[in-house]
Amino acid sequence: MCLAVPVRVVEVPEEGKARVQVGQGENYMEISTLLLPEAPRPGDYVIVHAGFALRSLDAAEAEESLNIFRQIAALGVNEGRELEQL
């Protein structure tokens, strides 16, 4: 199974690359933007898989996707706790 994650662009240090923030914490990574039709700008959101930006998306779409990931993670954590109690 493949998983592509929405991330926020914080810096574009050079053509074809971007530094992005993963989640709400202090997790950052450098990605390739060579697959995008247009270079992203700081503040833009992109979907990333295996270090490559696959497409751009607007902030509302990114937040909706991130909320779904948070809900899935919460279900997994809750399910794990229930299993521990058995």
C-alpha atoms as a PDB file:
ATOM      1  CA  MET A   1       0.000   0.000   0.000  1.00  0.00           C
ATOM      2  CA  CYS A   2       1.249   3.477  -0.872  1.00  0.00           C
ATOM      3  CA  LEU A   3       0.569   6.532   1.208  1.00  0.00           C
ATOM      4  CA  ALA A   4       0.871  10.107  -0.019  1.00  0.00           C
ATOM      5  CA  VAL A   5       0.847  12.819   2.645  1.00  0.00           C
ATOM      6  CA  PRO A   6      -0.098  16.509   2.424  1.00  0.00           C
ATOM      7  CA  VAL A   7       2.737  18.798   3.536  1.00  0.00           C
ATOM      8  CA  ARG A   8       3.245  22.573   3.645  1.00  0.00           C
ATOM      9  CA  VAL A   9       6.061  24.169   1.674  1.00  0.00           C
ATOM     10  CA  VAL A  10       8.196  26.394   3.907  1.00  0.00           C
ATOM     11  CA  GLU A  11      11.085  27.163   1.578  1.00  0.00           C
ATOM     12  CA  VAL A  12      12.168  26.711  -2.038  1.00  0.00           C
ATOM     13  CA  PRO A  13      15.969  26.735  -1.769  1.00  0.00           C
ATOM     14  CA  GLU A  14      16.598  25.944  -5.433  1.00  0.00           C
ATOM     15  CA  GLU A  15      14.758  24.972  -8.578  1.00  0.00           C
ATOM     16  CA  GLY A  16      13.292  21.484  -8.379  1.00  0.00           C
ATOM     17  CA  LYS A  17      13.448  21.261  -4.569  1.00  0.00           C
ATOM     18  CA  ALA A  18      11.427  22.391  -1.591  1.00  0.00           C
ATOM     19  CA  ARG A  19      11.704  22.184   2.165  1.00  0.00           C
ATOM     20  CA  VAL A  20       8.378  21.130   3.668  1.00  0.00           C
ATOM     21  CA  GLN A  21       6.834  20.846   7.109  1.00  0.00           C
ATOM     22  CA  VAL A  22       5.348  17.456   7.901  1.00  0.00           C
ATOM     23  CA  GLY A  23       2.481  17.735  10.370  1.00  0.00           C
ATOM     24  CA  GLN A  24       2.238  20.489  12.947  1.00  0.00           C
ATOM     25  CA  GLY A  25       5.497  19.883  14.788  1.00  0.00           C
ATOM     26  CA  GLU A  26       9.119  20.498  13.941  1.00  0.00           C
ATOM     27  CA  ASN A  27       9.437  17.751  11.333  1.00  0.00           C
ATOM     28  CA  TYR A  28      10.852  18.954   8.038  1.00  0.00           C
ATOM     29  CA  MET A  29      12.143  17.249   4.928  1.00  0.00           C
ATOM     30  CA  GLU A  30      13.529  18.189   1.546  1.00  0.00           C
ATOM     31  CA  ILE A  31      11.532  16.970  -1.442  1.00  0.00           C
ATOM     32  CA  SER A  32      11.752  17.038  -5.209  1.00  0.00           C
ATOM     33  CA  THR A  33       9.232  19.216  -7.044  1.00  0.00           C
ATOM     34  CA  LEU A  34      10.319  18.151 -10.532  1.00  0.00           C
ATOM     35  CA  LEU A  35       7.057  16.230 -11.161  1.00  0.00           C
ATOM     36  CA  LEU A  36       4.878  19.325 -10.646  1.00  0.00           C
ATOM     37  CA  PRO A  37       3.784  21.441 -13.629  1.00  0.00           C
ATOM     38  CA  GLU A  38       4.543  24.638 -11.648  1.00  0.00           C
ATOM     39  CA  ALA A  39       7.021  25.247  -8.839  1.00  0.00           C
ATOM     40  CA  PRO A  40       5.339  25.628  -5.440  1.00  0.00           C
ATOM     41  CA  ARG A  41       5.794  28.710  -3.278  1.00  0.00           C
ATOM     42  CA  PRO A  42       6.174  28.937   0.496  1.00  0.00           C
ATOM     43  CA  GLY A  43       2.760  28.393   2.092  1.00  0.00           C
ATOM     44  CA  ASP A  44       1.545  26.086  -0.687  1.00  0.00           C
ATOM     45  CA  TYR A  45       0.526  22.513   0.061  1.00  0.00           C
ATOM     46  CA  VAL A  46       1.622  19.495  -1.944  1.00  0.00           C
ATOM     47  CA  ILE A  47       1.025  15.755  -1.767  1.00  0.00           C
ATOM     48  CA  VAL A  48       4.314  13.894  -1.203  1.00  0.00           C
ATOM     49  CA  HIS A  49       5.186  10.251  -1.727  1.00  0.00           C
ATOM     50  CA  ALA A  50       8.693   8.786  -1.513  1.00  0.00           C
ATOM     51  CA  GLY A  51      10.261  12.244  -1.494  1.00  0.00           C
ATOM     52  CA  PHE A  52       8.466  13.539  -4.601  1.00  0.00           C
ATOM     53  CA  ALA A  53       5.685  16.119  -4.724  1.00  0.00           C
ATOM     54  CA  LEU A  54       2.947  14.530  -6.834  1.00  0.00           C
ATOM     55  CA  ARG A  55       0.495  17.429  -7.014  1.00  0.00           C
ATOM     56  CA  SER A  56      -0.428  20.739  -5.449  1.00  0.00           C
ATOM     57  CA  LEU A  57      -3.578  21.227  -3.414  1.00  0.00           C
ATOM     58  CA  ASP A  58      -5.312  24.104  -1.694  1.00  0.00           C
ATOM     59  CA  ALA A  59      -5.239  24.633   2.066  1.00  0.00           C
ATOM     60  CA  ALA A  60      -8.817  23.403   2.610  1.00  0.00           C
ATOM     61  CA  GLU A  61      -8.165  20.174   0.738  1.00  0.00           C
ATOM     62  CA  ALA A  62      -4.905  19.641   2.645  1.00  0.00           C
ATOM     63  CA  GLU A  63      -6.587  20.232   6.011  1.00  0.00           C
ATOM     64  CA  GLU A  64      -9.405  17.824   5.143  1.00  0.00           C
ATOM     65  CA  SER A  65      -6.877  15.112   4.259  1.00  0.00           C
ATOM     66  CA  LEU A  66      -4.852  15.767   7.413  1.00  0.00           C
ATOM     67  CA  ASN A  67      -7.991  15.552   9.563  1.00  0.00           C
ATOM     68  CA  ILE A  68      -8.787  12.167   8.026  1.00  0.00           C
ATOM     69  CA  PHE A  69      -5.251  10.948   8.811  1.00  0.00           C
ATOM     70  CA  ARG A  70      -5.649  12.203  12.408  1.00  0.00           C
ATOM     71  CA  GLN A  71      -8.951  10.336  12.771  1.00  0.00           C
ATOM     72  CA  ILE A  72      -7.396   7.135  11.436  1.00  0.00           C
ATOM     73  CA  ALA A  73      -4.457   7.498  13.814  1.00  0.00           C
ATOM     74  CA  ALA A  74      -6.801   8.083  16.766  1.00  0.00           C
ATOM     75  CA  LEU A  75      -8.781   4.965  15.887  1.00  0.00           C
ATOM     76  CA  GLY A  76      -5.592   2.927  15.761  1.00  0.00           C
ATOM     77  CA  VAL A  77      -4.424   4.248  19.120  1.00  0.00           C
ATOM     78  CA  ASN A  78      -7.815   3.635  20.721  1.00  0.00           C
ATOM     79  CA  GLU A  79      -8.026   0.168  19.211  1.00  0.00           C
ATOM     80  CA  GLY A  80      -4.567  -0.662  20.549  1.00  0.00           C
ATOM     81  CA  ARG A  81      -5.567   0.407  24.049  1.00  0.00           C
ATOM     82  CA  GLU A  82      -8.688  -1.718  23.893  1.00  0.00           C
ATOM     83  CA  LEU A  83      -6.617  -4.708  22.842  1.00  0.00           C
ATOM     84  CA  GLU A  84      -4.233  -4.151  25.760  1.00  0.00           C
ATOM     85  CA  GLN A  85      -7.180  -4.281  28.170  1.00  0.00           C
ATOM     86  CA  LEU A  86      -8.323  -7.711  26.971  1.00  0.00           C
END
